[in-house]
Amino acid sequence: MNDCSYQELGSGVRGEQNVFVNELVSSVIQVLVFAAIPFIVYLIGTKSAKGFLKDIGFYRPEGKTVQLALVASIVLFLVLWGVFLAAGAVEMFHDEASVTGMLRAAGLSSDTVLALIVMAWIKTSLSEEIFFRGFLGKRLIRRFGFLAGNLMQAGMFGAVHGILIALASEAQVPGWWIALLVITSFAAGCIIGWIKEKRGNGSIIPGWIAHGLGNTVGYFVIAFVM
């Protein structure tokens, strides 16, 4: 190879490595942002940071909720992602403004797989479980009861996903695609909220497992298989 070829190869390798590093930094920042509001509210209410992690449900669950979470993740993947595939909405997730579209454009490599894992488990699942189930869900359920509170947090969860895909996509997204995303996200939010409150003793860990595993498989299939 000539010098130019070596430079191009080196640039490509650095670009692949940056995918993982950039997503790791971005994911940590997003978790901190999503945890900031719950933390400030908790700090104002208790005048102390002690006990914050327990308040948002970041502790070991009781019983066999982890096994239940694994079953839930399989069901969520098969049903929710299956709905999108059957509806022909894969194109929405191939848009480079989406997580799966960005991974697909970067290509399959060890760095993009690491980036996928970080995004699936930290950037999306952990930050969303902290905010929607650990913070909003807990307070809404305490105020309005389990049924109403769980439906409300799941509704907000679904609405945010619909708004984000509509704003982030570079192409015009059909309204029924957005509606489908809202409905499926709402259903996932209801299920994970039920696991947390009714089987997980208030812990967000089982829901995080279900959410993270479902996202991991879904991201990989849509980005590198479809």
Foldseek 3Di string as FASTA:
>chain_A
DDPVVVVVVVVLVVVLLCLQVVLLVLLVVLLCVLVVVLQVVVCVVPVDSPCSCVLLQADAFDDDLLVVLVVLLVVLLCPLVVVCVVVVVLVLCCFCLHLLVVLLVSDDDPSSLSSQLSCLQGRPLNSLSSRLQSGQLVVQCVVPNNPVSQLVSLQVQLVVVLVCSCVRGPDHDDPVSSVSSSVSSSVLSSVLNCSCVPPGVNHSVSSSSSRSVNSSVSSCCSNPPD
